[in-house]
N, C-alpha and C. Protein backbone atom coordinates (compact mmCIF):
# COMPACT_ATOMS: atom_id res chain seq x y z
N MET A 1 0.72 -0.88 0.07
CA MET A 1 -0.31 -0.07 0.03
C MET A 1 0.92 1.32 -0.19
N ASN A 2 0.97 2.11 -0.93
CA ASN A 2 1.35 3.18 -0.79
C ASN A 2 0.62 4.27 -0.16
N PRO A 3 1.57 5.56 0.19
CA PRO A 3 1.07 6.49 1.14
C PRO A 3 -0.50 7.15 0.35
N LEU A 4 -0.64 7.41 -0.41
CA LEU A 4 -1.31 8.00 -1.11
C LEU A 4 -2.95 7.01 -1.10
N GLN A 5 -2.41 5.84 -1.27
CA GLN A 5 -3.91 4.49 -0.49
C GLN A 5 -4.07 4.64 0.61
N LEU A 6 -2.78 4.63 1.96
CA LEU A 6 -3.20 5.18 2.87
C LEU A 6 -3.82 6.32 3.43
N LEU A 7 -3.51 7.43 2.64
CA LEU A 7 -4.34 8.50 3.30
C LEU A 7 -6.15 8.24 2.29
N GLN A 8 -5.93 7.81 1.48
CA GLN A 8 -7.46 8.15 0.71
C GLN A 8 -8.31 7.02 1.85
N MET A 9 -7.92 6.17 2.28
CA MET A 9 -8.60 4.98 3.11
C MET A 9 -8.78 5.85 4.22
N ASN A 10 -7.99 6.59 4.78
CA ASN A 10 -8.01 7.41 5.87
C ASN A 10 -9.55 8.37 6.02
N ILE A 11 -9.13 9.10 4.49
CA ILE A 11 -10.25 9.87 4.29
C ILE A 11 -11.38 9.42 4.41
N ASP A 12 -11.98 8.09 3.46
CA ASP A 12 -12.77 7.74 3.44
C ASP A 12 -13.18 7.33 4.69
N ALA A 13 -12.63 6.62 5.50
CA ALA A 13 -13.26 6.50 7.29
C ALA A 13 -13.35 7.58 7.98
N ALA A 14 -13.04 8.77 7.67
CA ALA A 14 -13.39 9.97 8.39
C ALA A 14 -14.71 10.66 8.07
N ARG A 15 -14.44 10.37 6.53
CA ARG A 15 -16.40 10.57 5.47
C ARG A 15 -17.39 9.80 6.67
N ILE A 16 -16.74 8.54 6.87
CA ILE A 16 -18.05 7.73 6.94
C ILE A 16 -18.01 8.23 8.63
N CYS A 17 -17.40 8.50 9.41
CA CYS A 17 -17.41 8.84 10.87
C CYS A 17 -18.54 10.22 10.66
N ILE A 18 -18.18 11.02 9.67
CA ILE A 18 -18.79 12.17 10.10
C ILE A 18 -20.51 11.84 9.62
N GLU A 19 -20.59 11.30 8.36
CA GLU A 19 -21.76 11.03 8.44
C GLU A 19 -22.56 10.20 9.34
N ALA A 20 -21.80 9.42 9.92
CA ALA A 20 -22.57 8.45 10.91
C ALA A 20 -23.19 9.11 12.08
N GLN A 21 -22.02 10.10 12.39
CA GLN A 21 -22.67 11.26 13.59
C GLN A 21 -23.52 11.90 13.01
N SER A 22 -23.77 12.41 11.71
CA SER A 22 -24.81 13.39 11.40
C SER A 22 -26.01 12.47 11.48
N VAL A 23 -25.98 11.17 11.00
CA VAL A 23 -27.42 10.39 11.26
C VAL A 23 -27.75 10.09 12.57
N ILE A 24 -26.90 9.81 13.14
CA ILE A 24 -27.15 9.57 14.76
C ILE A 24 -28.02 10.90 15.18
N ALA A 25 -27.15 11.78 15.08
CA ALA A 25 -27.84 13.44 15.78
C ALA A 25 -29.40 13.21 14.97
N MET A 26 -29.67 12.90 13.46
CA MET A 26 -30.81 13.27 12.85
C MET A 26 -31.57 12.87 13.05
N ARG A 27 -31.18 11.49 13.71
CA ARG A 27 -32.49 10.27 14.37
C ARG A 27 -32.72 10.52 15.99
N LEU A 28 -31.29 10.85 16.43
CA LEU A 28 -31.85 11.57 17.76
C LEU A 28 -32.96 12.41 17.85
N ALA A 29 -32.73 13.42 16.61
CA ALA A 29 -33.71 14.67 16.91
C ALA A 29 -35.14 14.24 16.32
N GLY A 30 -34.66 13.35 15.82
CA GLY A 30 -36.30 13.02 15.14
C GLY A 30 -37.49 12.02 16.23
N ALA A 31 -36.20 11.53 17.01
CA ALA A 31 -36.96 10.68 18.34
C ALA A 31 -37.95 11.48 19.20
N PHE A 32 -36.93 12.53 19.03
CA PHE A 32 -37.86 14.26 20.08
C PHE A 32 -38.46 14.97 19.88
N GLY A 33 -38.83 14.81 17.97
CA GLY A 33 -39.73 15.32 17.57
C GLY A 33 -39.40 16.73 16.81
N ALA A 34 -37.52 17.02 16.56
CA ALA A 34 -37.11 18.14 16.37
C ALA A 34 -36.74 17.83 14.87
N TRP A 35 -37.06 16.78 14.33
CA TRP A 35 -36.63 16.22 12.74
C TRP A 35 -37.40 15.61 12.11
N ASN A 36 -38.01 15.69 11.11
CA ASN A 36 -38.40 15.22 10.94
C ASN A 36 -38.22 13.46 9.55
N VAL A 37 -38.67 12.30 10.88
CA VAL A 37 -38.11 11.31 10.36
C VAL A 37 -39.28 10.38 9.78
N PRO A 38 -39.46 9.41 8.93
CA PRO A 38 -40.26 8.82 8.77
C PRO A 38 -40.50 7.52 9.89
N ALA A 39 -42.07 7.30 10.33
CA ALA A 39 -42.26 6.42 11.29
C ALA A 39 -41.71 5.35 11.62
N ASN A 40 -40.67 4.35 10.40
CA ASN A 40 -40.45 3.16 10.97
C ASN A 40 -38.99 3.32 10.47
N GLU A 41 -38.45 4.93 11.00
CA GLU A 41 -36.94 5.07 11.01
C GLU A 41 -36.57 4.05 12.04
N ASN A 42 -36.92 3.66 13.29
CA ASN A 42 -36.10 2.69 14.22
C ASN A 42 -36.09 1.42 13.59
N THR A 43 -37.04 0.94 12.74
CA THR A 43 -36.79 -0.39 12.56
C THR A 43 -35.97 -0.30 11.37
N ARG A 44 -36.03 0.28 10.71
CA ARG A 44 -34.74 0.64 9.29
C ARG A 44 -33.84 0.72 9.45
N MET A 45 -33.02 1.75 10.80
CA MET A 45 -32.21 1.81 11.29
C MET A 45 -31.10 0.16 11.59
N VAL A 46 -32.27 -0.26 12.55
CA VAL A 46 -31.89 -1.65 13.00
C VAL A 46 -31.33 -2.67 11.99
N GLN A 47 -32.29 -2.71 10.72
CA GLN A 47 -31.91 -3.89 9.78
C GLN A 47 -31.36 -3.09 8.62
N GLU A 48 -30.94 -2.64 8.62
CA GLU A 48 -29.71 -2.01 7.30
C GLU A 48 -28.23 -1.62 8.17
N LYS A 49 -27.86 -2.01 9.74
CA LYS A 49 -26.90 -1.81 10.33
C LYS A 49 -26.82 -4.12 10.10
N GLN A 50 -27.59 -4.74 10.44
CA GLN A 50 -27.65 -5.67 10.14
C GLN A 50 -26.83 -6.04 8.76
N ALA A 51 -27.91 -5.57 7.61
CA ALA A 51 -27.22 -5.85 6.41
C ALA A 51 -25.98 -5.13 5.80
N ALA A 52 -25.68 -4.42 6.44
CA ALA A 52 -24.33 -3.43 5.99
C ALA A 52 -23.35 -4.08 6.55
N ALA A 53 -23.74 -4.99 8.07
CA ALA A 53 -22.25 -5.61 8.47
C ALA A 53 -22.24 -7.04 7.85
N ILE A 54 -23.26 -7.67 7.39
CA ILE A 54 -23.48 -9.11 6.47
C ILE A 54 -22.70 -8.36 5.10
N GLU A 55 -22.89 -7.31 4.42
CA GLU A 55 -22.53 -7.12 3.51
C GLU A 55 -20.90 -6.77 3.48
N ALA A 56 -20.64 -5.70 4.41
CA ALA A 56 -19.09 -5.44 4.51
C ALA A 56 -18.21 -6.93 4.93
N GLY A 57 -18.64 -7.39 6.08
CA GLY A 57 -17.86 -9.14 6.33
C GLY A 57 -17.35 -9.83 4.85
N GLN A 58 -18.77 -9.98 4.15
CA GLN A 58 -18.47 -10.87 2.55
C GLN A 58 -17.50 -10.06 1.80
N ALA A 59 -17.63 -9.14 1.52
CA ALA A 59 -16.60 -8.10 1.05
C ALA A 59 -15.18 -8.04 1.41
N ALA A 60 -15.38 -8.06 2.61
CA ALA A 60 -13.67 -8.68 2.94
C ALA A 60 -13.39 -9.48 3.20
N PHE A 61 -14.29 -10.74 3.38
CA PHE A 61 -13.86 -12.01 3.23
C PHE A 61 -13.36 -12.47 1.91
N TRP A 62 -14.30 -11.98 0.80
CA TRP A 62 -13.87 -11.71 -0.35
C TRP A 62 -12.42 -11.51 -1.42
N ALA A 63 -12.11 -10.61 -0.89
CA ALA A 63 -10.77 -9.92 -0.95
C ALA A 63 -9.44 -10.38 -0.37
N LEU A 64 -10.19 -10.83 1.03
CA LEU A 64 -8.98 -11.81 1.12
C LEU A 64 -8.49 -13.03 0.46
N ALA A 65 -9.80 -13.77 0.31
CA ALA A 65 -9.73 -14.84 -0.43
C ALA A 65 -9.58 -14.88 -2.15
N ARG A 66 -9.45 -13.49 -2.29
CA ARG A 66 -8.30 -13.12 -3.65
C ARG A 66 -6.95 -12.55 -3.55
N GLY A 67 -6.78 -12.97 -2.28
CA GLY A 67 -5.06 -12.32 -2.11
C GLY A 67 -4.77 -11.13 -2.47
N GLN A 68 -5.85 -10.24 -1.77
CA GLN A 68 -5.52 -8.78 -2.20
C GLN A 68 -4.62 -8.19 -0.54
N GLY A 69 -5.07 -8.91 0.16
CA GLY A 69 -4.56 -7.95 1.52
C GLY A 69 -5.39 -7.73 2.27
N ALA A 70 -4.69 -7.40 3.77
CA ALA A 70 -5.98 -6.82 4.34
C ALA A 70 -6.03 -5.53 4.05
N ASP A 71 -5.09 -4.54 3.76
CA ASP A 71 -5.45 -3.28 3.18
C ASP A 71 -6.44 -3.24 2.20
N ARG A 72 -6.92 -4.11 1.16
CA ARG A 72 -7.52 -4.18 0.44
C ARG A 72 -9.11 -4.68 0.75
N ALA A 73 -8.46 -5.68 1.90
CA ALA A 73 -10.19 -5.86 2.60
C ALA A 73 -10.65 -5.21 3.45
N VAL A 74 -9.57 -4.29 4.19
CA VAL A 74 -10.28 -3.09 4.82
C VAL A 74 -10.88 -2.30 3.67
N ALA A 75 -10.62 -1.71 2.96
CA ALA A 75 -10.78 -0.65 1.83
C ALA A 75 -12.11 -1.76 1.91
N ALA A 76 -12.14 -2.88 0.87
CA ALA A 76 -13.59 -3.39 0.09
C ALA A 76 -15.14 -3.58 1.85
N SER A 77 -14.63 -3.54 2.75
CA SER A 77 -15.68 -3.58 3.95
C SER A 77 -16.19 -2.48 3.84
N MET A 78 -15.44 -1.07 4.32
CA MET A 78 -15.77 0.29 4.07
C MET A 78 -16.54 0.68 3.51
N ALA A 79 -16.49 0.18 1.96
CA ALA A 79 -17.21 0.50 1.06
C ALA A 79 -18.93 0.56 1.14
N PRO A 80 -19.64 -1.00 1.53
CA PRO A 80 -20.79 -0.81 1.99
C PRO A 80 -21.82 -0.41 2.65
N ILE A 81 -20.90 0.06 3.84
CA ILE A 81 -20.71 0.89 4.88
C ILE A 81 -20.75 2.41 4.84
N GLY A 82 -19.87 3.05 4.01
CA GLY A 82 -19.99 4.22 3.41
C GLY A 82 -21.20 4.66 2.58
N ARG A 83 -21.60 3.45 1.57
CA ARG A 83 -22.97 3.85 0.57
C ARG A 83 -23.91 4.16 1.31
N ARG A 84 -24.01 3.43 2.62
CA ARG A 84 -25.16 3.66 3.45
C ARG A 84 -25.04 4.84 4.40
N THR A 85 -24.28 5.28 4.68
CA THR A 85 -24.38 6.53 5.34
C THR A 85 -24.15 7.63 4.56
N LYS A 86 -23.79 7.19 3.43
CA LYS A 86 -24.04 8.91 2.50
C LYS A 86 -25.34 8.85 2.33
N ALA A 87 -26.11 7.67 1.89
CA ALA A 87 -27.59 7.62 1.30
C ALA A 87 -28.09 7.94 2.38
N ASN A 88 -27.94 7.58 3.86
CA ASN A 88 -28.82 7.95 5.10
C ASN A 88 -28.38 9.52 5.47
N MET A 89 -27.67 10.06 4.96
CA MET A 89 -27.44 11.43 5.65
C MET A 89 -28.03 12.09 4.67
N LYS A 90 -27.84 12.24 3.10
CA LYS A 90 -28.68 12.67 2.54
C LYS A 90 -30.11 12.36 2.00
N ARG A 91 -30.74 11.19 2.63
CA ARG A 91 -32.09 11.14 2.54
C ARG A 91 -32.56 11.87 3.97
N LEU A 92 -32.06 11.95 5.31
CA LEU A 92 -32.45 12.38 6.14
C LEU A 92 -32.43 13.95 6.31
N SER A 93 -31.24 14.83 5.94
CA SER A 93 -30.67 15.72 5.94
C SER A 93 -32.14 16.58 4.63
N ARG A 94 -32.44 15.93 3.76
CA ARG A 94 -33.78 16.70 2.93
C ARG A 94 -35.38 16.66 3.59
N ARG A 95 -35.06 15.67 5.03
CA ARG A 95 -36.55 16.11 5.24
C ARG A 95 -36.74 17.07 6.43
N GLY A 96 -35.09 17.87 6.58
CA GLY A 96 -35.34 19.00 7.48
C GLY A 96 -36.09 18.70 8.74
N PRO A 97 -35.98 20.30 9.54
CA PRO A 97 -36.60 19.86 11.38
C PRO A 97 -37.79 19.71 11.22
N GLY A 98 -38.31 19.41 12.55
CA GLY A 98 -39.47 18.86 12.75
C GLY A 98 -40.55 20.18 13.08
N TRP A 99 -40.11 21.52 13.29
CA TRP A 99 -40.37 22.59 13.93
C TRP A 99 -41.91 22.86 13.54
């Protein structure tokens, strides 16, 4: 892994963390009526975490099974999680405050 690949992986991890924190904040605000969230948001939250964990594990497994190395396995496992955090942030931020 060259330094630029390592930097990109760290940037991706930071983006996922920021998006996840934003999603958590909007969902918590939604639980108290301060943010518009769908009625099924709590159920969706649990179900998507399970699906993302399975998909991330499978991506890491197949990267390792192909002999791509640990760095590629980590990057592969972060991809499905990153797709979900990005989609959730976009979806929830469009709904806006619930005042």
